[in-house]
């Protein structure tokens, strides 16, 4: 009597599993490379028509801030604070968008990365 179920050697399964593992390893290498590229990114964004410009890196660290003299008003510190927050938030949004696009490209557009 023949056994049913279980693992049978010689069928197509081992080849498919090897192929799947190779694809997973390739995708992992691509994701690691994309992550390195993300960490090396530098993104800038401005607010107030360019009065405040913030630059952040791929590690979500602020690298620099540029503030035009005309927006430095001791009578209206709140406006300057708002401009800084707006520029920083926009820089972070741009960074997230660009890094997501890069990671999506590395994973072939698959949300979780792997096709299983």
N, C-alpha and C. Protein backbone atom coordinates (compact mmCIF):
# COMPACT_ATOMS: atom_id res chain seq x y z
N UNK A 1 0.83 -1.18 0.00
CA UNK A 1 0.00 0.00 0.00
C UNK A 1 0.88 1.24 0.00
N UNK A 2 0.56 2.18 -0.85
CA UNK A 2 1.36 3.41 -0.95
C UNK A 2 0.95 4.40 0.12
N UNK A 3 1.94 5.10 0.65
CA UNK A 3 1.66 6.14 1.63
C UNK A 3 1.16 7.38 0.92
N UNK A 4 0.26 8.07 1.53
CA UNK A 4 -0.24 9.32 0.98
C UNK A 4 0.17 10.47 1.89
N UNK A 5 0.40 11.61 1.26
CA UNK A 5 0.75 12.79 2.06
C UNK A 5 2.21 12.74 2.46
N UNK A 6 2.60 13.68 3.30
CA UNK A 6 3.98 13.74 3.74
C UNK A 6 4.88 14.26 2.64
N UNK A 7 6.16 14.33 2.93
CA UNK A 7 7.13 14.83 1.96
C UNK A 7 7.63 13.70 1.10
N UNK A 8 7.58 13.89 -0.18
CA UNK A 8 8.10 12.89 -1.11
C UNK A 8 9.32 13.47 -1.80
N UNK A 9 10.39 12.79 -1.76
CA UNK A 9 11.60 13.24 -2.44
C UNK A 9 11.46 13.08 -3.93
N UNK A 10 12.19 13.88 -4.67
CA UNK A 10 12.23 13.74 -6.11
C UNK A 10 11.18 14.53 -6.86
N UNK A 11 10.12 14.98 -6.21
CA UNK A 11 9.09 15.74 -6.90
C UNK A 11 9.56 17.16 -7.21
N UNK A 12 8.66 17.99 -7.65
CA UNK A 12 9.00 19.36 -8.01
C UNK A 12 9.19 20.28 -6.81
N UNK A 13 8.78 19.86 -5.65
CA UNK A 13 8.80 20.71 -4.48
C UNK A 13 10.20 21.20 -4.10
N UNK A 14 11.22 20.33 -4.00
CA UNK A 14 12.53 20.84 -3.59
C UNK A 14 13.06 21.93 -4.53
N UNK A 15 12.88 21.77 -5.83
CA UNK A 15 13.33 22.79 -6.77
C UNK A 15 12.60 24.11 -6.57
N UNK A 16 11.28 24.01 -6.36
CA UNK A 16 10.49 25.22 -6.11
C UNK A 16 10.93 25.90 -4.83
N UNK A 17 11.23 25.12 -3.80
CA UNK A 17 11.65 25.67 -2.51
C UNK A 17 13.01 26.36 -2.67
N UNK A 18 13.91 25.72 -3.40
CA UNK A 18 15.22 26.35 -3.64
C UNK A 18 15.07 27.66 -4.40
N UNK A 19 14.20 27.65 -5.41
CA UNK A 19 13.95 28.86 -6.20
C UNK A 19 13.37 29.96 -5.32
N UNK A 20 12.43 29.59 -4.46
CA UNK A 20 11.81 30.54 -3.56
C UNK A 20 12.83 31.11 -2.58
N UNK A 21 13.71 30.26 -2.08
CA UNK A 21 14.76 30.72 -1.15
C UNK A 21 15.73 31.67 -1.86
N UNK A 22 16.07 31.36 -3.10
CA UNK A 22 16.95 32.24 -3.87
C UNK A 22 16.29 33.60 -4.08
N UNK A 23 15.00 33.58 -4.40
CA UNK A 23 14.27 34.84 -4.59
C UNK A 23 14.24 35.65 -3.29
N UNK A 24 14.00 34.97 -2.18
CA UNK A 24 13.96 35.64 -0.88
C UNK A 24 15.31 36.25 -0.54
N UNK A 25 16.39 35.53 -0.80
CA UNK A 25 17.73 36.04 -0.52
C UNK A 25 18.06 37.23 -1.41
N UNK A 26 17.67 37.14 -2.68
CA UNK A 26 17.90 38.26 -3.60
C UNK A 26 17.13 39.49 -3.13
N UNK A 27 15.86 39.29 -2.74
CA UNK A 27 15.05 40.41 -2.27
C UNK A 27 15.64 41.01 -1.00
N UNK A 28 16.16 40.17 -0.11
CA UNK A 28 16.77 40.66 1.12
C UNK A 28 17.98 41.53 0.80
N UNK A 29 18.82 41.09 -0.15
CA UNK A 29 19.98 41.89 -0.55
C UNK A 29 19.54 43.23 -1.14
N UNK A 30 18.48 43.20 -1.97
CA UNK A 30 17.98 44.43 -2.56
C UNK A 30 17.42 45.37 -1.49
N UNK A 31 16.75 44.82 -0.51
CA UNK A 31 16.21 45.64 0.57
C UNK A 31 17.33 46.24 1.41
N UNK A 32 18.37 45.47 1.67
CA UNK A 32 19.51 46.00 2.43
C UNK A 32 20.18 47.13 1.67
N UNK A 33 20.34 46.98 0.37
CA UNK A 33 20.94 48.03 -0.46
C UNK A 33 20.04 49.27 -0.47
N UNK A 34 18.74 49.05 -0.61
CA UNK A 34 17.81 50.18 -0.60
C UNK A 34 17.86 50.90 0.75
N UNK A 35 17.97 50.15 1.84
CA UNK A 35 18.04 50.77 3.16
C UNK A 35 19.29 51.63 3.29
N UNK A 36 20.41 51.16 2.74
CA UNK A 36 21.64 51.96 2.74
C UNK A 36 21.42 53.26 1.96
N UNK A 37 20.74 53.14 0.81
CA UNK A 37 20.47 54.33 0.00
C UNK A 37 19.57 55.30 0.75
N UNK A 38 18.59 54.77 1.46
CA UNK A 38 17.69 55.62 2.25
C UNK A 38 18.49 56.37 3.31
N UNK A 39 19.38 55.68 4.01
CA UNK A 39 20.17 56.31 5.06
C UNK A 39 21.08 57.41 4.51
N UNK A 40 21.46 57.31 3.24
CA UNK A 40 22.33 58.31 2.63
C UNK A 40 21.55 59.47 2.01
N UNK A 41 20.22 59.38 1.99
CA UNK A 41 19.40 60.44 1.42
C UNK A 41 19.54 61.72 2.22
N UNK A 42 19.42 62.83 1.51
CA UNK A 42 19.34 64.15 2.12
C UNK A 42 18.19 64.87 1.43
N UNK A 43 17.22 65.35 2.22
CA UNK A 43 16.02 65.97 1.68
C UNK A 43 15.84 67.33 2.33
N UNK A 44 15.47 68.32 1.52
CA UNK A 44 15.20 69.66 2.04
C UNK A 44 13.77 70.06 1.70
N UNK A 45 13.21 70.90 2.57
CA UNK A 45 11.89 71.46 2.33
C UNK A 45 11.86 72.85 2.94
N UNK A 46 11.04 73.72 2.33
CA UNK A 46 10.96 75.11 2.78
C UNK A 46 9.53 75.46 3.14
N UNK A 47 9.39 76.52 3.92
CA UNK A 47 8.08 77.07 4.24
C UNK A 47 8.20 78.59 4.20
N UNK A 48 7.05 79.24 4.22
CA UNK A 48 7.06 80.70 4.18
C UNK A 48 7.69 81.25 2.92
N UNK A 49 7.42 80.58 1.79
CA UNK A 49 7.99 81.04 0.52
C UNK A 49 9.51 80.96 0.48
N UNK A 50 10.07 80.03 1.24
CA UNK A 50 11.52 79.85 1.26
C UNK A 50 12.20 80.58 2.42
N UNK A 51 11.42 81.20 3.27
CA UNK A 51 11.99 81.94 4.41
C UNK A 51 12.66 81.00 5.41
N UNK A 52 12.15 79.78 5.52
CA UNK A 52 12.74 78.77 6.39
C UNK A 52 12.94 77.52 5.57
N UNK A 53 14.16 76.97 5.61
CA UNK A 53 14.46 75.73 4.89
C UNK A 53 15.12 74.76 5.85
N UNK A 54 14.60 73.54 5.86
CA UNK A 54 15.12 72.49 6.74
C UNK A 54 15.64 71.35 5.87
N UNK A 55 16.79 70.81 6.26
CA UNK A 55 17.38 69.67 5.58
C UNK A 55 17.49 68.52 6.57
N UNK A 56 16.99 67.34 6.16
CA UNK A 56 17.07 66.14 7.00
C UNK A 56 17.76 65.03 6.22
N UNK A 57 18.32 64.07 6.97
CA UNK A 57 18.94 62.93 6.31
C UNK A 57 18.04 61.71 6.41
N UNK A 58 18.46 60.61 5.81
CA UNK A 58 17.67 59.39 5.77
C UNK A 58 17.48 58.73 7.12
N UNK A 59 18.20 59.18 8.12
CA UNK A 59 18.04 58.65 9.47
C UNK A 59 17.05 59.51 10.27
N UNK A 60 16.35 60.40 9.57
CA UNK A 60 15.38 61.32 10.18
C UNK A 60 16.04 62.27 11.18
N UNK A 61 17.27 62.67 10.87
CA UNK A 61 17.98 63.64 11.69
C UNK A 61 18.03 64.96 10.94
N UNK A 62 17.76 66.05 11.64
CA UNK A 62 17.86 67.35 11.01
C UNK A 62 19.34 67.67 10.82
N UNK A 63 19.69 68.00 9.59
CA UNK A 63 21.08 68.33 9.25
C UNK A 63 21.34 69.82 9.36
N UNK A 64 20.37 70.60 8.88
CA UNK A 64 20.57 72.06 8.91
C UNK A 64 19.23 72.77 8.84
N UNK A 65 19.28 74.02 9.20
CA UNK A 65 18.11 74.89 9.09
C UNK A 65 18.60 76.26 8.63
N UNK A 66 17.91 76.81 7.67
CA UNK A 66 18.25 78.15 7.15
C UNK A 66 17.04 79.04 7.42
N UNK A 67 17.30 80.20 8.04
CA UNK A 67 16.22 81.13 8.36
C UNK A 67 16.60 82.51 7.81
N UNK A 68 15.75 83.05 6.94
CA UNK A 68 15.98 84.40 6.43
C UNK A 68 15.78 85.41 7.55
N UNK A 69 16.59 86.43 7.54
CA UNK A 69 16.55 87.45 8.59
C UNK A 69 15.19 88.12 8.71
N UNK A 70 14.50 88.32 7.59
CA UNK A 70 13.24 89.06 7.65
C UNK A 70 12.14 88.34 8.44
N UNK A 71 12.28 87.04 8.68
CA UNK A 71 11.26 86.35 9.46
C UNK A 71 11.63 86.26 10.95
N UNK A 72 12.77 86.80 11.31
CA UNK A 72 13.18 86.83 12.71
C UNK A 72 12.65 88.13 13.31
N UNK A 73 11.48 88.04 13.90
CA UNK A 73 10.80 89.19 14.49
C UNK A 73 10.55 88.88 15.96
N UNK A 74 11.23 89.58 16.86
CA UNK A 74 11.04 89.31 18.30
C UNK A 74 9.58 89.50 18.74
N UNK A 75 8.83 90.25 17.97
CA UNK A 75 7.42 90.48 18.30
C UNK A 75 6.52 89.34 17.82
N UNK A 76 7.06 88.47 16.96
CA UNK A 76 6.25 87.39 16.40
C UNK A 76 7.05 86.09 16.34
N UNK A 77 7.52 85.65 17.47
CA UNK A 77 8.28 84.41 17.56
C UNK A 77 7.43 83.21 17.14
N UNK A 78 6.14 83.28 17.43
CA UNK A 78 5.24 82.18 17.10
C UNK A 78 5.21 81.89 15.60
N UNK A 79 5.25 82.91 14.77
CA UNK A 79 5.27 82.69 13.32
C UNK A 79 6.53 81.94 12.91
N UNK A 80 7.66 82.32 13.45
CA UNK A 80 8.92 81.65 13.13
C UNK A 80 8.86 80.18 13.57
N UNK A 81 8.32 79.94 14.74
CA UNK A 81 8.18 78.56 15.21
C UNK A 81 7.29 77.76 14.27
N UNK A 82 6.20 78.34 13.83
CA UNK A 82 5.29 77.66 12.90
C UNK A 82 5.99 77.34 11.58
N UNK A 83 6.79 78.29 11.09
CA UNK A 83 7.50 78.07 9.83
C UNK A 83 8.52 76.93 9.97
N UNK A 84 9.19 76.87 11.10
CA UNK A 84 10.16 75.80 11.34
C UNK A 84 9.46 74.45 11.40
N UNK A 85 8.36 74.39 12.13
CA UNK A 85 7.60 73.13 12.22
C UNK A 85 7.10 72.72 10.84
N UNK A 86 6.56 73.64 10.08
CA UNK A 86 6.03 73.32 8.76
C UNK A 86 7.12 72.80 7.83
N UNK A 87 8.27 73.45 7.82
CA UNK A 87 9.37 73.02 6.95
C UNK A 87 9.89 71.65 7.38
N UNK A 88 10.01 71.44 8.67
CA UNK A 88 10.50 70.16 9.18
C UNK A 88 9.53 69.04 8.83
N UNK A 89 8.25 69.26 9.05
CA UNK A 89 7.26 68.24 8.73
C UNK A 89 7.24 67.92 7.24
N UNK A 90 7.35 68.93 6.41
CA UNK A 90 7.37 68.69 4.96
C UNK A 90 8.62 67.92 4.55
N UNK A 91 9.76 68.23 5.14
CA UNK A 91 11.00 67.49 4.84
C UNK A 91 10.85 66.02 5.24
N UNK A 92 10.25 65.78 6.39
CA UNK A 92 10.04 64.40 6.84
C UNK A 92 9.06 63.66 5.93
N UNK A 93 8.01 64.34 5.47
CA UNK A 93 7.06 63.71 4.53
C UNK A 93 7.76 63.36 3.22
N UNK A 94 8.58 64.28 2.72
CA UNK A 94 9.30 64.01 1.47
C UNK A 94 10.24 62.83 1.65
N UNK A 95 10.94 62.79 2.77
CA UNK A 95 11.86 61.68 3.05
C UNK A 95 11.10 60.36 3.09
N UNK A 96 9.98 60.33 3.79
CA UNK A 96 9.18 59.11 3.88
C UNK A 96 8.70 58.66 2.50
N UNK A 97 8.23 59.60 1.72
CA UNK A 97 7.73 59.28 0.39
C UNK A 97 8.84 58.72 -0.50
N UNK A 98 9.99 59.37 -0.48
CA UNK A 98 11.11 58.92 -1.31
C UNK A 98 11.65 57.57 -0.84
N UNK A 99 11.73 57.37 0.48
CA UNK A 99 12.25 56.10 0.98
C UNK A 99 11.26 54.97 0.70
N UNK A 100 9.95 55.24 0.82
CA UNK A 100 8.95 54.22 0.50
C UNK A 100 9.04 53.82 -0.97
N UNK A 101 9.23 54.79 -1.84
CA UNK A 101 9.35 54.49 -3.27
C UNK A 101 10.58 53.63 -3.54
N UNK A 102 11.68 53.95 -2.87
CA UNK A 102 12.91 53.19 -3.06
C UNK A 102 12.75 51.76 -2.54
N UNK A 103 12.14 51.61 -1.38
CA UNK A 103 11.94 50.27 -0.82
C UNK A 103 10.95 49.47 -1.66
N UNK A 104 9.92 50.12 -2.17
CA UNK A 104 8.95 49.45 -3.02
C UNK A 104 9.62 48.93 -4.29
N UNK A 105 10.51 49.72 -4.83
CA UNK A 105 11.25 49.30 -6.02
C UNK A 105 12.10 48.07 -5.70
N UNK A 106 12.72 48.06 -4.52
CA UNK A 106 13.58 46.94 -4.13
C UNK A 106 12.78 45.67 -3.90
N UNK A 107 11.54 45.81 -3.45
CA UNK A 107 10.73 44.62 -3.17
C UNK A 107 9.79 44.27 -4.31
N UNK A 108 9.92 44.97 -5.41
CA UNK A 108 9.06 44.69 -6.56
C UNK A 108 7.62 45.10 -6.32
N UNK A 109 7.42 46.04 -5.40
CA UNK A 109 6.08 46.55 -5.13
C UNK A 109 5.27 45.72 -4.16
N UNK A 110 5.85 44.64 -3.64
CA UNK A 110 5.11 43.82 -2.70
C UNK A 110 5.13 44.47 -1.33
N UNK A 111 4.00 44.62 -0.73
CA UNK A 111 3.88 45.33 0.55
C UNK A 111 4.74 44.69 1.62
N UNK A 112 4.64 43.40 1.80
CA UNK A 112 5.40 42.72 2.85
C UNK A 112 6.78 42.31 2.41
N UNK A 113 7.06 42.42 1.14
CA UNK A 113 8.37 42.06 0.65
C UNK A 113 8.39 40.70 -0.02
N UNK A 114 7.87 39.68 0.64
CA UNK A 114 7.93 38.33 0.09
C UNK A 114 6.58 37.89 -0.43
N UNK A 115 6.57 37.07 -1.49
CA UNK A 115 5.31 36.67 -2.12
C UNK A 115 4.56 35.56 -1.41
N UNK A 116 4.85 35.31 -0.14
CA UNK A 116 4.12 34.26 0.58
C UNK A 116 3.71 34.76 1.93
